[in-house]
Amino acid sequence: MKKAFEQDFLEKNIDKTKKEEKVVAVVVTYNRKELLKECIDALLKQDYNNCDILVVDNASTDGTKEHIYNELKNNKVHYVNTGSNLGGAGGFNFGMKEAYKIGCDYMWLMDDDCIVHQDSLKNLIKANERLKNQYGFLSSKVLWKDNSICKMNIQKEKFAKWLKDFDKNYQSIAMASFVSLFVPTRIVEDMGLPIKEFFIWTDDWEYTRRISRKYKCYYISDSVVTHKSRLNDGASIASVDGDRLNRFKYLYRNDVVLYRREGIKGWILFKIRIVIHKIRIIKSNKNDKKNRINIIDKAIKEGKKFYPKVEYVTTKAIEKQ
């Protein structure tokens, strides 16, 4: 009891005397103005004060900027329009460059349907202090709308091993999504930006794996956010409706880049993954199975010729490579 009191006293006094380091929450949005407003409002209620919000609008056509007019009056909220839909990958690439221009010690990445809890950032900051800033990135626990674990945002302990214990704090992880990803600016300077040419899919896996290959990274279970995605499941080429099929060319093309970097083990895992996906297509009730398999094959062929370059925020980092 005495020990707990002393710890609480110490934390409160540290909070009072230590200058809060600057965080910029980078929120990428596209035609989801209602969710975006909820996202911003939650960010403005954080227990941690020194956090600006950068809204990166991928050229929305639903009146996004007008809808958040009142929020933009707050000097902590910044807005930038990319001029065209750059996808999630391009949006985060663009936004992180803008956050760097604003100036910050940390970047907190999230989609517009990520609703943070009041202490989400405070607990990331506490983890940062405990780890003495010696890490590549921190990743929050992500819940779905019914408070179950959000399946599409489950982290990976290792390249081929999913995280299973969601209550254990400070677990070492290798990969995470861009839904409450906390990255020190010095890591961004060193490791570069997400690959904008990916457009959608695999950009978060590739980026976080790029970082974890060099730095230890952690899952912070007491930093919790809610992901208000439409479904609590990832997209599958075996079940998706036909009008969304072409999007999957990005997934399999980008996956080649991710798995190729892991060497022979990566290629073996990739081939196993592709076999499983094709079996799912064959077992599905879709009547265009051949077309779905062709999309995978064409995307992989394109991926084998796809060698996008990593972009950096500083010329010094470029020269270092």
Protein backbone atom coordinates (compact mmCIF):
# COMPACT_ATOMS: atom_id res chain seq x y z
CA MET A 1 0.00 0.00 0.00
CA LYS A 2 2.80 2.39 0.99
CA LYS A 3 4.78 1.48 -2.16
CA ALA A 4 1.76 2.18 -4.39
CA PHE A 5 1.23 5.57 -2.69
CA GLU A 6 4.89 6.51 -3.17
CA GLN A 7 4.78 5.52 -6.85
CA ASP A 8 1.62 7.58 -7.41
CA PHE A 9 3.18 10.57 -5.59
CA LEU A 10 6.34 10.28 -7.68
CA GLU A 11 4.43 10.13 -10.99
CA LYS A 12 2.32 13.18 -10.09
CA ASN A 13 5.37 15.22 -9.16
CA ILE A 14 7.25 14.18 -12.30
CA ASP A 15 4.26 15.30 -14.36
CA LYS A 16 4.32 18.72 -12.65
CA THR A 17 8.03 19.40 -13.01
CA LYS A 18 8.94 17.80 -16.32
CA LYS A 19 8.30 19.67 -19.55
CA GLU A 20 5.90 17.75 -21.77
CA GLU A 21 7.49 16.70 -25.04
CA LYS A 22 5.63 17.59 -28.24
CA VAL A 23 3.46 14.98 -29.94
CA VAL A 24 1.71 15.37 -33.28
CA ALA A 25 -1.18 12.99 -33.95
CA VAL A 26 -1.22 12.31 -37.70
CA VAL A 27 -4.78 11.42 -38.78
CA VAL A 28 -5.32 10.33 -42.39
CA THR A 29 -8.89 10.73 -43.65
CA TYR A 30 -10.92 10.17 -46.78
CA ASN A 31 -14.68 10.76 -47.05
CA ARG A 32 -15.50 9.84 -43.45
CA LYS A 33 -16.27 13.23 -41.95
CA GLU A 34 -18.46 11.96 -39.09
CA LEU A 35 -15.82 9.52 -37.85
CA LEU A 36 -13.11 12.11 -38.35
CA LYS A 37 -14.95 14.60 -36.13
CA GLU A 38 -15.32 11.95 -33.42
CA CYS A 39 -11.63 11.11 -33.76
CA ILE A 40 -10.56 14.75 -33.38
CA ASP A 41 -12.90 15.39 -30.45
CA ALA A 42 -11.45 12.38 -28.61
CA LEU A 43 -7.89 13.54 -29.29
CA LEU A 44 -8.68 16.98 -27.87
CA LYS A 45 -9.80 15.36 -24.60
CA GLN A 46 -6.46 13.61 -23.97
CA ASP A 47 -4.95 13.78 -20.48
CA TYR A 48 -1.63 14.67 -22.10
CA ASN A 49 -1.69 18.34 -23.09
CA ASN A 50 1.19 18.88 -25.52
CA CYS A 51 -0.38 17.11 -28.48
CA ASP A 52 -1.25 18.76 -31.78
CA ILE A 53 -3.53 17.13 -34.33
CA LEU A 54 -2.68 17.05 -38.02
CA VAL A 55 -5.60 16.12 -40.28
CA VAL A 56 -4.33 14.77 -43.60
CA ASP A 57 -7.25 14.93 -46.03
CA ASN A 58 -6.81 12.65 -49.04
CA ALA A 59 -8.87 15.03 -51.20
CA SER A 60 -12.25 14.08 -49.68
CA THR A 61 -15.37 14.98 -51.64
CA ASP A 62 -17.89 14.79 -48.77
CA GLY A 63 -17.33 18.26 -47.30
CA THR A 64 -14.81 17.07 -44.72
CA LYS A 65 -13.14 20.44 -44.11
CA GLU A 66 -16.47 22.24 -43.69
CA HIS A 67 -17.71 19.54 -41.30
CA ILE A 68 -14.77 20.04 -38.92
CA TYR A 69 -14.89 23.85 -39.17
CA ASN A 70 -15.28 24.36 -35.42
CA GLU A 71 -12.44 21.97 -34.60
CA LEU A 72 -10.12 23.84 -36.96
CA LYS A 73 -10.57 26.99 -34.85
CA ASN A 74 -8.48 25.27 -32.19
CA ASN A 75 -4.82 26.21 -32.62
CA LYS A 76 -3.84 22.63 -31.82
CA VAL A 77 -5.62 21.32 -34.92
CA HIS A 78 -3.91 21.60 -38.30
CA TYR A 79 -5.41 20.68 -41.66
CA VAL A 80 -3.71 19.82 -44.94
CA ASN A 81 -5.25 18.59 -48.19
CA THR A 82 -3.05 16.26 -50.24
CA GLY A 83 -4.66 17.42 -53.50
CA SER A 84 -5.50 13.90 -54.63
CA ASN A 85 -6.27 10.53 -53.07
CA LEU A 86 -2.84 9.14 -52.17
CA GLY A 87 -4.25 6.13 -50.35
CA GLY A 88 -3.36 5.30 -46.78
CA ALA A 89 0.33 4.80 -47.58
CA GLY A 90 0.66 8.11 -49.42
CA GLY A 91 -1.42 9.89 -46.80
CA PHE A 92 0.83 8.83 -43.93
CA ASN A 93 3.95 9.57 -45.98
CA PHE A 94 2.60 13.08 -46.71
CA GLY A 95 1.38 13.63 -43.16
CA MET A 96 4.60 12.59 -41.46
CA LYS A 97 6.55 15.03 -43.62
CA GLU A 98 4.12 17.76 -42.58
CA ALA A 99 4.38 16.77 -38.90
CA TYR A 100 8.15 17.03 -39.20
CA LYS A 101 7.76 20.57 -40.57
CA ILE A 102 5.48 21.50 -37.66
CA GLY A 103 8.10 20.16 -35.29
CA CYS A 104 7.60 17.37 -32.77
CA ASP A 105 9.37 14.82 -30.61
CA TYR A 106 6.92 12.02 -31.45
CA MET A 107 4.43 11.16 -34.17
CA TRP A 108 1.23 9.32 -33.25
CA LEU A 109 -0.25 7.69 -36.35
CA MET A 110 -3.88 6.69 -36.81
CA ASP A 111 -6.75 6.38 -39.28
CA ASP A 112 -9.83 8.59 -39.02
CA ASP A 113 -11.89 5.78 -37.48
CA CYS A 114 -9.50 5.37 -34.54
CA ILE A 115 -11.13 6.73 -31.39
CA VAL A 116 -8.59 7.21 -28.63
CA HIS A 117 -9.44 6.89 -24.95
CA GLN A 118 -8.72 9.73 -22.53
CA ASP A 119 -5.51 8.17 -21.21
CA SER A 120 -4.30 6.50 -24.43
CA LEU A 121 -1.49 8.97 -25.02
CA LYS A 122 -0.62 9.44 -21.35
CA ASN A 123 0.08 5.73 -21.08
CA LEU A 124 2.23 5.77 -24.20
CA ILE A 125 4.21 8.63 -22.70
CA LYS A 126 4.62 6.68 -19.44
CA ALA A 127 5.90 3.73 -21.45
CA ASN A 128 8.28 6.05 -23.28
CA GLU A 129 9.68 7.28 -19.96
CA ARG A 130 10.01 3.78 -18.56
CA LEU A 131 11.86 2.64 -21.69
CA LYS A 132 13.97 5.82 -21.61
CA ASN A 133 13.11 6.46 -25.26
CA GLN A 134 15.07 3.36 -26.27
CA TYR A 135 12.73 1.72 -28.77
CA GLY A 136 11.61 1.93 -32.38
CA PHE A 137 7.85 2.24 -31.93
CA LEU A 138 5.05 1.60 -29.44
CA SER A 139 1.69 0.11 -30.38
CA SER A 140 -1.57 0.35 -28.42
CA LYS A 141 -4.14 -2.33 -27.67
CA VAL A 142 -6.87 -1.93 -30.30
CA LEU A 143 -10.47 -2.83 -29.50
CA TRP A 144 -13.42 -3.05 -31.85
CA LYS A 145 -16.79 -1.39 -31.27
CA ASP A 146 -18.01 -4.23 -29.03
CA ASN A 147 -14.83 -4.05 -26.90
CA SER A 148 -13.43 -7.27 -28.32
CA ILE A 149 -9.92 -7.26 -29.80
CA CYS A 150 -9.95 -5.74 -33.29
CA LYS A 151 -8.76 -8.61 -35.48
CA MET A 152 -7.32 -6.50 -38.29
CA ASN A 153 -5.02 -4.66 -35.87
CA ILE A 154 -3.49 -7.58 -33.99
CA GLN A 155 0.25 -7.08 -33.72
CA LYS A 156 2.92 -9.66 -34.55
CA GLU A 157 5.46 -10.83 -31.96
CA LYS A 158 7.70 -12.01 -34.76
CA PHE A 159 7.44 -11.87 -38.53
CA ALA A 160 5.40 -15.07 -38.64
CA LYS A 161 3.92 -15.13 -35.13
CA TRP A 162 0.79 -13.26 -34.05
CA LEU A 163 0.44 -11.68 -30.62
CA LYS A 164 -1.86 -13.77 -28.43
CA ASP A 165 -1.71 -12.31 -24.93
CA PHE A 166 -3.41 -8.90 -25.19
CA ASP A 167 -3.19 -8.07 -21.49
CA LYS A 168 0.55 -8.46 -20.96
CA ASN A 169 2.29 -5.09 -21.06
CA TYR A 170 5.64 -4.25 -22.70
CA GLN A 171 5.74 -7.26 -25.00
CA SER A 172 8.37 -7.13 -27.71
CA ILE A 173 6.73 -7.01 -31.16
CA ALA A 174 7.88 -6.94 -34.76
CA MET A 175 4.91 -5.52 -36.66
CA ALA A 176 1.86 -3.36 -36.01
CA SER A 177 -0.79 -1.36 -37.84
CA PHE A 178 -1.18 2.39 -38.29
CA VAL A 179 -3.93 2.47 -35.64
CA SER A 180 -2.30 4.19 -32.67
CA LEU A 181 1.33 3.74 -33.63
CA PHE A 182 3.70 5.92 -31.59
CA VAL A 183 7.04 6.70 -33.25
CA PRO A 184 9.84 8.97 -31.99
CA THR A 185 10.82 11.58 -34.57
CA ARG A 186 14.45 10.48 -34.31
CA ILE A 187 13.36 7.04 -35.57
CA VAL A 188 11.55 8.64 -38.51
CA GLU A 189 14.73 10.55 -39.31
CA ASP A 190 16.75 7.34 -39.22
CA MET A 191 14.37 4.87 -40.85
CA GLY A 192 12.51 7.07 -43.31
CA LEU A 193 8.82 7.21 -44.23
CA PRO A 194 6.16 4.70 -45.26
CA ILE A 195 6.40 3.79 -48.95
CA LYS A 196 3.88 6.04 -50.70
CA GLU A 197 3.88 3.89 -53.87
CA PHE A 198 2.16 1.11 -51.91
CA PHE A 199 -1.04 3.22 -51.99
CA ILE A 200 -2.98 0.82 -49.74
CA TRP A 201 -2.18 -2.34 -47.79
CA THR A 202 1.07 -3.67 -46.34
CA ASP A 203 2.41 -0.13 -45.82
CA ASP A 204 2.09 -0.45 -42.04
CA TRP A 205 3.55 -3.98 -41.93
CA GLU A 206 6.48 -2.96 -44.10
CA TYR A 207 7.18 0.22 -42.14
CA THR A 208 7.01 -1.30 -38.67
CA ARG A 209 9.04 -4.34 -39.77
CA ARG A 210 11.64 -2.02 -41.26
CA ILE A 211 11.95 -0.39 -37.85
CA SER A 212 11.88 -3.59 -35.75
CA ARG A 213 14.70 -5.13 -37.76
CA LYS A 214 16.95 -2.50 -36.16
CA TYR A 215 15.21 -1.45 -32.91
CA LYS A 216 13.24 -3.21 -30.18
CA CYS A 217 9.55 -2.30 -30.34
CA TYR A 218 6.76 -2.80 -27.83
CA TYR A 219 3.08 -3.52 -27.33
CA ILE A 220 1.59 -1.29 -24.63
CA SER A 221 -1.54 -2.98 -23.29
CA ASP A 222 -2.65 -0.14 -21.01
CA SER A 223 -2.80 2.29 -23.92
CA VAL A 224 -6.18 1.41 -25.41
CA VAL A 225 -8.00 2.77 -28.46
CA THR A 226 -11.19 1.79 -30.28
CA HIS A 227 -11.16 1.11 -34.00
CA LYS A 228 -14.61 1.82 -35.42
CA SER A 229 -14.12 -0.15 -38.63
CA ARG A 230 -17.23 -1.38 -40.40
CA LEU A 231 -16.43 -5.05 -39.71
CA ASN A 232 -14.18 -6.74 -37.18
CA ASP A 233 -12.26 -8.68 -39.78
CA GLY A 234 -9.67 -8.21 -42.46
CA ALA A 235 -10.49 -8.10 -46.15
CA SER A 236 -10.22 -11.39 -48.06
CA ILE A 237 -9.99 -11.85 -51.80
CA ALA A 238 -11.95 -15.07 -51.40
CA SER A 239 -15.05 -13.34 -50.01
CA VAL A 240 -14.95 -9.69 -51.07
CA ASP A 241 -17.57 -8.38 -53.51
CA GLY A 242 -16.54 -8.15 -57.15
CA ASP A 243 -16.51 -4.34 -57.30
CA ARG A 244 -13.68 -4.27 -54.74
CA LEU A 245 -11.53 -6.98 -56.28
CA ASN A 246 -9.07 -4.75 -58.11
CA ARG A 247 -7.87 -3.26 -54.84
CA PHE A 248 -6.18 -6.58 -54.05
CA LYS A 249 -3.55 -6.04 -56.72
CA TYR A 250 -1.91 -3.66 -54.23
CA LEU A 251 -1.96 -6.21 -51.42
CA TYR A 252 -0.13 -9.00 -53.24
CA ARG A 253 2.25 -6.70 -55.09
CA ASN A 254 3.23 -4.94 -51.85
CA ASP A 255 3.50 -8.23 -49.98
CA VAL A 256 6.28 -9.26 -52.37
CA VAL A 257 8.34 -6.29 -51.16
CA LEU A 258 7.70 -7.15 -47.50
CA TYR A 259 8.43 -10.87 -47.70
CA ARG A 260 11.35 -10.53 -50.13
CA ARG A 261 13.33 -8.52 -47.57
CA GLU A 262 13.20 -11.50 -45.16
CA GLY A 263 15.27 -13.65 -47.51
CA ILE A 264 14.66 -17.36 -48.17
CA LYS A 265 12.48 -17.73 -45.06
CA GLY A 266 10.36 -14.85 -46.30
CA TRP A 267 9.86 -16.40 -49.73
CA ILE A 268 8.84 -19.73 -48.18
CA LEU A 269 6.32 -18.02 -45.92
CA PHE A 270 5.02 -15.98 -48.86
CA LYS A 271 4.47 -19.06 -51.02
CA ILE A 272 2.60 -20.77 -48.17
CA ARG A 273 0.45 -17.66 -47.74
CA ILE A 274 -0.42 -17.57 -51.44
CA VAL A 275 -1.33 -21.28 -51.51
CA ILE A 276 -3.67 -20.78 -48.54
CA HIS A 277 -5.34 -17.78 -50.20
CA LYS A 278 -5.89 -19.67 -53.45
CA ILE A 279 -7.37 -22.64 -51.59
CA ARG A 280 -9.81 -20.27 -49.90
CA ILE A 281 -10.84 -18.94 -53.30
CA ILE A 282 -11.36 -22.45 -54.67
CA LYS A 283 -13.48 -23.38 -51.64
CA SER A 284 -15.56 -20.21 -51.83
CA ASN A 285 -19.00 -19.91 -53.43
CA LYS A 286 -17.85 -17.25 -55.91
CA ASN A 287 -18.38 -17.82 -59.61
CA ASP A 288 -15.31 -15.83 -60.72
CA LYS A 289 -12.65 -17.92 -59.00
CA LYS A 290 -10.32 -17.95 -61.99
CA ASN A 291 -10.35 -14.14 -62.15
CA ARG A 292 -9.51 -13.87 -58.45
CA ILE A 293 -6.57 -16.22 -58.80
CA ASN A 294 -5.39 -14.29 -61.88
CA ILE A 295 -5.40 -11.05 -59.84
CA ILE A 296 -3.05 -12.67 -57.34
CA ASP A 297 -0.73 -14.05 -60.03
CA LYS A 298 -0.53 -10.76 -61.95
CA ALA A 299 0.11 -8.79 -58.77
CA ILE A 300 2.94 -11.11 -57.73
CA LYS A 301 4.49 -10.82 -61.17
CA GLU A 302 4.37 -7.05 -60.88
CA GLY A 303 5.73 -7.21 -57.34
CA LYS A 304 8.84 -9.08 -58.47
CA LYS A 305 9.76 -6.01 -60.55
CA PHE A 306 8.66 -3.54 -57.87
CA TYR A 307 11.53 -1.94 -55.95
CA PRO A 308 10.22 1.31 -54.43
CA LYS A 309 12.75 3.55 -52.72
CA VAL A 310 12.44 4.68 -49.12
CA GLU A 311 11.94 8.43 -48.77
CA TYR A 312 13.50 10.38 -45.88
CA VAL A 313 12.60 13.59 -44.08
CA THR A 314 16.19 14.83 -44.01
CA THR A 315 18.96 14.93 -46.61
CA LYS A 316 21.36 13.76 -43.91
CA ALA A 317 19.47 10.47 -43.62
CA ILE A 318 19.51 10.05 -47.39
CA GLU A 319 23.26 10.61 -47.55
CA LYS A 320 23.78 8.10 -44.72
CA GLN A 321 22.24 5.36 -46.84
